[in-house]
Amino acid sequence: MNQNHVRKNSFNENEITELENSKYWRKKLKQNDFHAFAIELLGMPVGLIRLDRGVISIAIYKRFKNKNIDFESLSAINLDGCIAQIKPSNRMSQKLFKKLGFKETRRVFEWDGQNV
């Protein structure tokens, strides 16, 4: 959850405490429109897919990136009607979702809190 590459590609780049993470999961697991799928390879956890109110996201441990695990895992899920919110700087995820048949429909710009 706090690996550099995960935080860098998340919309919230701040480090997450164990307490925050615990509260997040307790809240999310009560929602009917939230699903989480563990990704395993030979019985070892390698990532996580989240589907939250139609928004799909995926995180793969760094040492398992570039092994097509993300594509294979997402291909096993019905993605009809899903959207993926991807930061403009996250080229790897953009490429992945385009390969899955997603099309870019808009770009969202958010203020990052930094003054110019």
Foldseek 3Di string as FASTA:
>chain_A
DLPQVVLVWDPNNDGDDPVNVVVVVVVQVVDPQKDKDFQDDPNHTFWMWIGHNQEIDIDGPPVCPPVCSVLVVVVVDPNVSHHYQTAPVCVVVVVSVVVVVDDDDDHDDDDPPDDD
